[in-house]
Amino acid sequence: MYMYISSHNIHEQFPEAAHLPDVIHLHQDGDARYVMEIDEILPVDIRSEHTFSYEVLDSSGIVGGGFAVLNHIPVTADGRSAFEQRFMNRARKVEEEPGFVGIRVLRPLDDDTYVILTLWDGEEQFKAWQESQAYSHAHRKRHTEEGIDVQQPSIFPRPSFVKTFIVEN
Protein backbone atom coordinates (compact mmCIF):
# COMPACT_ATOMS: atom_id res chain seq x y z
CA MET A 1 0.00 0.00 0.00
CA TYR A 2 1.22 3.51 -0.80
CA MET A 3 0.17 6.98 0.28
CA TYR A 4 0.69 10.25 -1.54
CA ILE A 5 0.49 13.64 0.16
CA SER A 6 0.48 16.63 -2.14
CA SER A 7 0.00 20.37 -1.92
CA HIS A 8 -1.93 20.09 -5.22
CA ASN A 9 -4.94 17.99 -6.08
CA ILE A 10 -3.50 15.18 -8.20
CA HIS A 11 -6.74 14.84 -10.18
CA GLU A 12 -6.71 18.52 -11.15
CA GLN A 13 -2.98 18.61 -11.89
CA PHE A 14 -2.94 15.41 -13.94
CA PRO A 15 -6.12 14.64 -15.92
CA GLU A 16 -4.63 11.23 -16.75
CA ALA A 17 -5.01 10.41 -13.04
CA ALA A 18 -8.81 10.51 -13.22
CA HIS A 19 -8.95 6.71 -12.78
CA LEU A 20 -7.22 6.95 -9.39
CA PRO A 21 -9.16 6.91 -6.11
CA ASP A 22 -10.56 10.11 -4.69
CA VAL A 23 -8.27 12.22 -2.56
CA ILE A 24 -8.96 13.38 0.97
CA HIS A 25 -8.63 17.15 1.32
CA LEU A 26 -6.85 18.47 4.44
CA HIS A 27 -6.69 22.18 5.25
CA GLN A 28 -5.65 24.55 8.02
CA ASP A 29 -5.07 28.31 7.94
CA GLY A 30 -4.71 28.49 4.15
CA ASP A 31 -2.44 25.45 4.00
CA ALA A 32 -3.87 22.49 2.06
CA ARG A 33 -2.84 18.88 1.50
CA TYR A 34 -4.39 16.18 -0.64
CA VAL A 35 -4.00 12.60 0.53
CA MET A 36 -4.50 9.47 -1.54
CA GLU A 37 -4.00 5.85 -0.48
CA ILE A 38 -3.55 3.33 -3.28
CA ASP A 39 -2.17 -0.17 -3.88
CA GLU A 40 0.32 0.86 -6.56
CA ILE A 41 3.28 3.17 -7.01
CA LEU A 42 2.30 6.16 -9.13
CA PRO A 43 4.39 6.89 -12.22
CA VAL A 44 7.09 9.50 -11.64
CA ASP A 45 5.41 11.96 -14.03
CA ILE A 46 2.34 12.06 -11.75
CA ARG A 47 4.48 12.32 -8.60
CA SER A 48 5.48 15.95 -9.04
CA GLU A 49 7.75 18.03 -6.84
CA HIS A 50 4.60 18.95 -4.93
CA THR A 51 3.87 15.32 -4.01
CA PHE A 52 5.50 13.27 -1.28
CA SER A 53 5.38 9.51 -1.74
CA TYR A 54 5.30 6.91 1.02
CA GLU A 55 5.05 3.20 1.56
CA VAL A 56 2.53 2.32 4.28
CA LEU A 57 4.47 0.29 6.86
CA ASP A 58 1.64 -0.09 9.35
CA SER A 59 -1.99 0.86 9.34
CA SER A 60 -5.15 0.59 11.34
CA GLY A 61 -8.58 2.11 10.77
CA ILE A 62 -9.50 4.27 7.81
CA VAL A 63 -8.34 7.48 6.15
CA GLY A 64 -11.12 9.87 7.09
CA GLY A 65 -12.58 11.50 10.16
CA GLY A 66 -12.54 15.20 10.87
CA PHE A 67 -9.01 15.94 12.13
CA ALA A 68 -5.57 14.81 10.93
CA VAL A 69 -2.21 14.97 12.70
CA LEU A 70 0.97 14.51 10.64
CA ASN A 71 4.09 13.94 12.71
CA HIS A 72 7.12 14.42 10.41
CA ILE A 73 10.23 12.62 11.67
CA PRO A 74 13.51 12.89 9.70
CA VAL A 75 15.60 9.71 10.01
CA THR A 76 19.04 8.96 8.57
CA ALA A 77 19.53 5.99 6.24
CA ASP A 78 21.49 4.22 9.01
CA GLY A 79 18.65 4.74 11.47
CA ARG A 80 15.75 3.48 9.36
CA SER A 81 15.82 -0.10 10.61
CA ALA A 82 15.87 0.83 14.32
CA PHE A 83 13.21 3.50 13.83
CA GLU A 84 10.90 1.19 11.90
CA GLN A 85 11.36 -1.60 14.44
CA ARG A 86 10.22 0.74 17.23
CA PHE A 87 7.05 1.60 15.34
CA MET A 88 6.31 -1.97 14.33
CA ASN A 89 6.53 -2.93 18.02
CA ARG A 90 4.40 -0.04 19.27
CA ALA A 91 1.84 -0.59 22.04
CA ARG A 92 -1.15 -0.06 19.69
CA LYS A 93 -3.10 1.70 22.45
CA VAL A 94 -4.12 4.64 20.27
CA GLU A 95 -6.57 2.42 18.38
CA GLU A 96 -8.62 2.00 21.58
CA GLU A 97 -9.02 5.73 22.21
CA PRO A 98 -12.43 7.42 21.80
CA GLY A 99 -12.59 9.30 18.51
CA PHE A 100 -9.72 7.40 16.89
CA VAL A 101 -10.32 6.89 13.16
CA GLY A 102 -7.02 5.67 11.70
CA ILE A 103 -3.24 5.59 11.75
CA ARG A 104 -0.66 5.21 9.01
CA VAL A 105 3.07 4.80 9.60
CA LEU A 106 4.63 6.07 6.37
CA ARG A 107 8.12 5.31 5.04
CA PRO A 108 9.35 7.97 2.60
CA LEU A 109 10.16 6.84 -0.94
CA ASP A 110 11.94 9.99 -2.06
CA ASP A 111 13.44 11.65 1.04
CA ASP A 112 14.34 11.00 4.69
CA THR A 113 11.22 12.14 6.54
CA TYR A 114 8.79 9.55 7.88
CA VAL A 115 5.23 10.61 8.62
CA ILE A 116 3.03 9.21 11.36
CA LEU A 117 -0.50 10.14 10.32
CA THR A 118 -3.26 9.83 12.90
CA LEU A 119 -6.87 10.58 12.10
CA TRP A 120 -9.54 11.53 14.61
CA ASP A 121 -13.22 12.41 14.72
CA GLY A 122 -12.16 15.88 15.85
CA GLU A 123 -9.42 17.92 17.48
CA GLU A 124 -11.00 17.44 20.91
CA GLN A 125 -10.50 13.66 20.70
CA PHE A 126 -6.87 14.09 19.68
CA LYS A 127 -6.21 16.45 22.59
CA ALA A 128 -7.96 14.04 24.99
CA TRP A 129 -5.65 11.26 23.76
CA GLN A 130 -2.61 13.47 24.43
CA GLU A 131 -3.77 13.75 28.05
CA SER A 132 -4.53 10.03 28.39
CA GLN A 133 -2.68 7.18 30.08
CA ALA A 134 -2.46 5.48 26.67
CA TYR A 135 -0.46 8.43 25.31
CA SER A 136 1.81 8.39 28.36
CA HIS A 137 2.32 4.65 27.88
CA ALA A 138 3.07 5.00 24.15
CA HIS A 139 5.67 7.71 24.81
CA ARG A 140 7.02 6.47 28.15
CA LYS A 141 10.53 5.75 26.81
CA ARG A 142 10.98 9.14 25.18
CA HIS A 143 13.91 11.08 26.67
CA THR A 144 14.90 8.08 28.83
CA GLU A 145 17.78 5.62 28.51
CA GLU A 146 15.38 3.17 26.83
CA GLY A 147 14.27 5.71 24.22
CA ILE A 148 15.66 5.62 20.71
CA ASP A 149 16.14 9.41 20.89
CA VAL A 150 18.67 8.86 23.72
CA GLN A 151 20.13 5.53 22.55
CA GLN A 152 20.73 6.67 18.97
CA PRO A 153 20.30 10.45 18.76
CA SER A 154 22.44 10.63 15.62
CA ILE A 155 19.72 8.91 13.56
CA PHE A 156 17.61 12.09 13.72
CA PRO A 157 19.34 14.67 11.46
CA ARG A 158 16.80 17.42 12.19
CA PRO A 159 14.03 17.99 14.72
CA SER A 160 10.67 16.42 14.04
CA PHE A 161 7.62 18.63 13.57
CA VAL A 162 3.85 18.24 13.68
CA LYS A 163 1.18 19.70 11.39
CA THR A 164 -2.54 19.43 12.01
CA PHE A 165 -5.39 19.75 9.54
CA ILE A 166 -9.14 19.68 9.28
CA VAL A 167 -10.30 16.76 7.10
CA GLU A 168 -12.79 17.47 4.30
CA ASN A 169 -14.55 14.35 3.07
C-alpha atoms as a PDB file:
ATOM      1  CA  MET A   1       0.000   0.000   0.000  1.00  0.00           C
ATOM      2  CA  TYR A   2       1.219   3.511  -0.803  1.00  0.00           C
ATOM      3  CA  MET A   3       0.169   6.977   0.283  1.00  0.00           C
ATOM      4  CA  TYR A   4       0.694  10.248  -1.537  1.00  0.00           C
ATOM      5  CA  ILE A   5       0.489  13.636   0.157  1.00  0.00           C
ATOM      6  CA  SER A   6       0.479  16.626  -2.137  1.00  0.00           C
ATOM      7  CA  SER A   7       0.004  20.369  -1.918  1.00  0.00           C
ATOM      8  CA  HIS A   8      -1.926  20.086  -5.220  1.00  0.00           C
ATOM      9  CA  ASN A   9      -4.944  17.991  -6.084  1.00  0.00           C
ATOM     10  CA  ILE A  10      -3.504  15.182  -8.195  1.00  0.00           C
ATOM     11  CA  HIS A  11      -6.742  14.844 -10.182  1.00  0.00           C
ATOM     12  CA  GLU A  12      -6.714  18.521 -11.154  1.00  0.00           C
ATOM     13  CA  GLN A  13      -2.978  18.609 -11.890  1.00  0.00           C
ATOM     14  CA  PHE A  14      -2.945  15.407 -13.943  1.00  0.00           C
ATOM     15  CA  PRO A  15      -6.124  14.643 -15.921  1.00  0.00           C
ATOM     16  CA  GLU A  16      -4.633  11.229 -16.754  1.00  0.00           C
ATOM     17  CA  ALA A  17      -5.009  10.409 -13.040  1.00  0.00           C
ATOM     18  CA  ALA A  18      -8.807  10.513 -13.224  1.00  0.00           C
ATOM     19  CA  HIS A  19      -8.953   6.714 -12.781  1.00  0.00           C
ATOM     20  CA  LEU A  20      -7.222   6.949  -9.392  1.00  0.00           C
ATOM     21  CA  PRO A  21      -9.161   6.911  -6.113  1.00  0.00           C
ATOM     22  CA  ASP A  22     -10.563  10.108  -4.690  1.00  0.00           C
ATOM     23  CA  VAL A  23      -8.272  12.216  -2.563  1.00  0.00           C
ATOM     24  CA  ILE A  24      -8.959  13.379   0.973  1.00  0.00           C
ATOM     25  CA  HIS A  25      -8.625  17.154   1.323  1.00  0.00           C
ATOM     26  CA  LEU A  26      -6.855  18.465   4.439  1.00  0.00           C
ATOM     27  CA  HIS A  27      -6.685  22.184   5.248  1.00  0.00           C
ATOM     28  CA  GLN A  28      -5.650  24.552   8.024  1.00  0.00           C
ATOM     29  CA  ASP A  29      -5.074  28.314   7.939  1.00  0.00           C
ATOM     30  CA  GLY A  30      -4.714  28.494   4.154  1.00  0.00           C
ATOM     31  CA  ASP A  31      -2.439  25.446   4.005  1.00  0.00           C
ATOM     32  CA  ALA A  32      -3.865  22.495   2.060  1.00  0.00           C
ATOM     33  CA  ARG A  33      -2.842  18.880   1.504  1.00  0.00           C
ATOM     34  CA  TYR A  34      -4.388  16.184  -0.645  1.00  0.00           C
ATOM     35  CA  VAL A  35      -4.002  12.600   0.531  1.00  0.00           C
ATOM     36  CA  MET A  36      -4.500   9.466  -1.540  1.00  0.00           C
ATOM     37  CA  GLU A  37      -3.995   5.848  -0.481  1.00  0.00           C
ATOM     38  CA  ILE A  38      -3.554   3.333  -3.285  1.00  0.00           C
ATOM     39  CA  ASP A  39      -2.166  -0.174  -3.878  1.00  0.00           C
ATOM     40  CA  GLU A  40       0.321   0.863  -6.557  1.00  0.00           C
ATOM     41  CA  ILE A  41       3.279   3.170  -7.007  1.00  0.00           C
ATOM     42  CA  LEU A  42       2.303   6.156  -9.126  1.00  0.00           C
ATOM     43  CA  PRO A  43       4.391   6.894 -12.217  1.00  0.00           C
ATOM     44  CA  VAL A  44       7.090   9.496 -11.639  1.00  0.00           C
ATOM     45  CA  ASP A  45       5.409  11.957 -14.030  1.00  0.00           C
ATOM     46  CA  ILE A  46       2.342  12.059 -11.755  1.00  0.00           C
ATOM     47  CA  ARG A  47       4.475  12.316  -8.604  1.00  0.00           C
ATOM     48  CA  SER A  48       5.478  15.950  -9.043  1.00  0.00           C
ATOM     49  CA  GLU A  49       7.752  18.027  -6.838  1.00  0.00           C
ATOM     50  CA  HIS A  50       4.596  18.952  -4.929  1.00  0.00           C
ATOM     51  CA  THR A  51       3.867  15.324  -4.006  1.00  0.00           C
ATOM     52  CA  PHE A  52       5.495  13.273  -1.280  1.00  0.00           C
ATOM     53  CA  SER A  53       5.383   9.506  -1.739  1.00  0.00           C
ATOM     54  CA  TYR A  54       5.303   6.911   1.021  1.00  0.00           C
ATOM     55  CA  GLU A  55       5.045   3.202   1.561  1.00  0.00           C
ATOM     56  CA  VAL A  56       2.528   2.323   4.279  1.00  0.00           C
ATOM     57  CA  LEU A  57       4.474   0.291   6.862  1.00  0.00           C
ATOM     58  CA  ASP A  58       1.645  -0.092   9.347  1.00  0.00           C
ATOM     59  CA  SER A  59      -1.990   0.855   9.339  1.00  0.00           C
ATOM     60  CA  SER A  60      -5.153   0.587  11.343  1.00  0.00           C
ATOM     61  CA  GLY A  61      -8.579   2.105  10.767  1.00  0.00           C
ATOM     62  CA  ILE A  62      -9.498   4.273   7.809  1.00  0.00           C
ATOM     63  CA  VAL A  63      -8.343   7.481   6.154  1.00  0.00           C
ATOM     64  CA  GLY A  64     -11.116   9.866   7.085  1.00  0.00           C
ATOM     65  CA  GLY A  65     -12.582  11.497  10.160  1.00  0.00           C
ATOM     66  CA  GLY A  66     -12.542  15.200  10.869  1.00  0.00           C
ATOM     67  CA  PHE A  67      -9.011  15.942  12.130  1.00  0.00           C
ATOM     68  CA  ALA A  68      -5.567  14.808  10.928  1.00  0.00           C
ATOM     69  CA  VAL A  69      -2.207  14.966  12.698  1.00  0.00           C
ATOM     70  CA  LEU A  70       0.972  14.513  10.645  1.00  0.00           C
ATOM     71  CA  ASN A  71       4.094  13.941  12.710  1.00  0.00           C
ATOM     72  CA  HIS A  72       7.117  14.419  10.410  1.00  0.00           C
ATOM     73  CA  ILE A  73      10.232  12.623  11.667  1.00  0.00           C
ATOM     74  CA  PRO A  74      13.506  12.894   9.704  1.00  0.00           C
ATOM     75  CA  VAL A  75      15.604   9.708  10.012  1.00  0.00           C
ATOM     76  CA  THR A  76      19.036   8.961   8.567  1.00  0.00           C
ATOM     77  CA  ALA A  77      19.535   5.989   6.243  1.00  0.00           C
ATOM     78  CA  ASP A  78      21.492   4.223   9.006  1.00  0.00           C
ATOM     79  CA  GLY A  79      18.652   4.739  11.471  1.00  0.00           C
ATOM     80  CA  ARG A  80      15.748   3.482   9.360  1.00  0.00           C
ATOM     81  CA  SER A  81      15.824  -0.102  10.612  1.00  0.00           C
ATOM     82  CA  ALA A  82      15.870   0.833  14.318  1.00  0.00           C
ATOM     83  CA  PHE A  83      13.205   3.501  13.833  1.00  0.00           C
ATOM     84  CA  GLU A  84      10.896   1.189  11.901  1.00  0.00           C
ATOM     85  CA  GLN A  85      11.361  -1.596  14.443  1.00  0.00           C
ATOM     86  CA  ARG A  86      10.220   0.738  17.228  1.00  0.00           C
ATOM     87  CA  PHE A  87       7.049   1.602  15.343  1.00  0.00           C
ATOM     88  CA  MET A  88       6.311  -1.971  14.331  1.00  0.00           C
ATOM     89  CA  ASN A  89       6.525  -2.928  18.022  1.00  0.00           C
ATOM     90  CA  ARG A  90       4.398  -0.037  19.265  1.00  0.00           C
ATOM     91  CA  ALA A  91       1.844  -0.595  22.037  1.00  0.00           C
ATOM     92  CA  ARG A  92      -1.154  -0.060  19.691  1.00  0.00           C
ATOM     93  CA  LYS A  93      -3.101   1.695  22.445  1.00  0.00           C
ATOM     94  CA  VAL A  94      -4.120   4.644  20.272  1.00  0.00           C
ATOM     95  CA  GLU A  95      -6.568   2.422  18.383  1.00  0.00           C
ATOM     96  CA  GLU A  96      -8.617   2.003  21.576  1.00  0.00           C
ATOM     97  CA  GLU A  97      -9.017   5.731  22.208  1.00  0.00           C
ATOM     98  CA  PRO A  98     -12.430   7.415  21.800  1.00  0.00           C
ATOM     99  CA  GLY A  99     -12.586   9.299  18.515  1.00  0.00           C
ATOM    100  CA  PHE A 100      -9.715   7.402  16.894  1.00  0.00           C
ATOM    101  CA  VAL A 101     -10.317   6.893  13.163  1.00  0.00           C
ATOM    102  CA  GLY A 102      -7.023   5.667  11.703  1.00  0.00           C
ATOM    103  CA  ILE A 103      -3.242   5.594  11.754  1.00  0.00           C
ATOM    104  CA  ARG A 104      -0.657   5.206   9.012  1.00  0.00           C
ATOM    105  CA  VAL A 105       3.074   4.798   9.601  1.00  0.00           C
ATOM    106  CA  LEU A 106       4.625   6.074   6.374  1.00  0.00           C
ATOM    107  CA  ARG A 107       8.124   5.311   5.044  1.00  0.00           C
ATOM    108  CA  PRO A 108       9.345   7.973   2.597  1.00  0.00           C
ATOM    109  CA  LEU A 109      10.155   6.835  -0.942  1.00  0.00           C
ATOM    110  CA  ASP A 110      11.937   9.990  -2.056  1.00  0.00           C
ATOM    111  CA  ASP A 111      13.443  11.652   1.043  1.00  0.00           C
ATOM    112  CA  ASP A 112      14.337  11.002   4.694  1.00  0.00           C
ATOM    113  CA  THR A 113      11.221  12.138   6.544  1.00  0.00           C
ATOM    114  CA  TYR A 114       8.793   9.552   7.880  1.00  0.00           C
ATOM    115  CA  VAL A 115       5.231  10.614   8.618  1.00  0.00           C
ATOM    116  CA  ILE A 116       3.035   9.214  11.362  1.00  0.00           C
ATOM    117  CA  LEU A 117      -0.498  10.143  10.321  1.00  0.00           C
ATOM    118  CA  THR A 118      -3.261   9.831  12.895  1.00  0.00           C
ATOM    119  CA  LEU A 119      -6.871  10.584  12.098  1.00  0.00           C
ATOM    120  CA  TRP A 120      -9.538  11.528  14.608  1.00  0.00           C
ATOM    121  CA  ASP A 121     -13.221  12.409  14.723  1.00  0.00           C
ATOM    122  CA  GLY A 122     -12.164  15.881  15.852  1.00  0.00           C
ATOM    123  CA  GLU A 123      -9.422  17.924  17.483  1.00  0.00           C
ATOM    124  CA  GLU A 124     -11.004  17.442  20.910  1.00  0.00           C
ATOM    125  CA  GLN A 125     -10.501  13.656  20.704  1.00  0.00           C
ATOM    126  CA  PHE A 126      -6.872  14.087  19.681  1.00  0.00           C
ATOM    127  CA  LYS A 127      -6.214  16.453  22.592  1.00  0.00           C
ATOM    128  CA  ALA A 128      -7.957  14.045  24.992  1.00  0.00           C
ATOM    129  CA  TRP A 129      -5.647  11.259  23.756  1.00  0.00           C
ATOM    130  CA  GLN A 130      -2.606  13.475  24.428  1.00  0.00           C
ATOM    131  CA  GLU A 131      -3.765  13.752  28.051  1.00  0.00           C
ATOM    132  CA  SER A 132      -4.531  10.032  28.392  1.00  0.00           C
ATOM    133  CA  GLN A 133      -2.676   7.182  30.084  1.00  0.00           C
ATOM    134  CA  ALA A 134      -2.465   5.483  26.668  1.00  0.00           C
ATOM    135  CA  TYR A 135      -0.461   8.434  25.310  1.00  0.00           C
ATOM    136  CA  SER A 136       1.808   8.389  28.357  1.00  0.00           C
ATOM    137  CA  HIS A 137       2.320   4.647  27.883  1.00  0.00           C
ATOM    138  CA  ALA A 138       3.065   5.003  24.154  1.00  0.00           C
ATOM    139  CA  HIS A 139       5.668   7.710  24.808  1.00  0.00           C
ATOM    140  CA  ARG A 140       7.020   6.465  28.155  1.00  0.00           C
ATOM    141  CA  LYS A 141      10.533   5.748  26.813  1.00  0.00           C
ATOM    142  CA  ARG A 142      10.977   9.142  25.178  1.00  0.00           C
ATOM    143  CA  HIS A 143      13.912  11.080  26.667  1.00  0.00           C
ATOM    144  CA  THR A 144      14.904   8.077  28.826  1.00  0.00           C
ATOM    145  CA  GLU A 145      17.784   5.617  28.513  1.00  0.00           C
ATOM    146  CA  GLU A 146      15.375   3.170  26.832  1.00  0.00           C
ATOM    147  CA  GLY A 147      14.270   5.710  24.223  1.00  0.00           C
ATOM    148  CA  ILE A 148      15.656   5.625  20.714  1.00  0.00           C
ATOM    149  CA  ASP A 149      16.143   9.407  20.887  1.00  0.00           C
ATOM    150  CA  VAL A 150      18.669   8.859  23.722  1.00  0.00           C
ATOM    151  CA  GLN A 151      20.129   5.530  22.551  1.00  0.00           C
ATOM    152  CA  GLN A 152      20.732   6.672  18.968  1.00  0.00           C
ATOM    153  CA  PRO A 153      20.297  10.453  18.764  1.00  0.00           C
ATOM    154  CA  SER A 154      22.442  10.630  15.620  1.00  0.00           C
ATOM    155  CA  ILE A 155      19.720   8.912  13.560  1.00  0.00           C
ATOM    156  CA  PHE A 156      17.612  12.093  13.719  1.00  0.00           C
ATOM    157  CA  PRO A 157      19.338  14.667  11.457  1.00  0.00           C
ATOM    158  CA  ARG A 158      16.804  17.423  12.192  1.00  0.00           C
ATOM    159  CA  PRO A 159      14.031  17.991  14.725  1.00  0.00           C
ATOM    160  CA  SER A 160      10.666  16.421  14.042  1.00  0.00           C
ATOM    161  CA  PHE A 161       7.618  18.635  13.571  1.00  0.00           C
ATOM    162  CA  VAL A 162       3.849  18.238  13.677  1.00  0.00           C
ATOM    163  CA  LYS A 163       1.184  19.700  11.393  1.00  0.00           C
ATOM    164  CA  THR A 164      -2.541  19.435  12.010  1.00  0.00           C
ATOM    165  CA  PHE A 165      -5.389  19.745   9.537  1.00  0.00           C
ATOM    166  CA  ILE A 166      -9.140  19.676   9.277  1.00  0.00           C
ATOM    167  CA  VAL A 167     -10.299  16.765   7.103  1.00  0.00           C
ATOM    168  CA  GLU A 168     -12.788  17.468   4.299  1.00  0.00           C
ATOM    169  CA  ASN A 169     -14.553  14.351   3.069  1.00  0.00           C
END
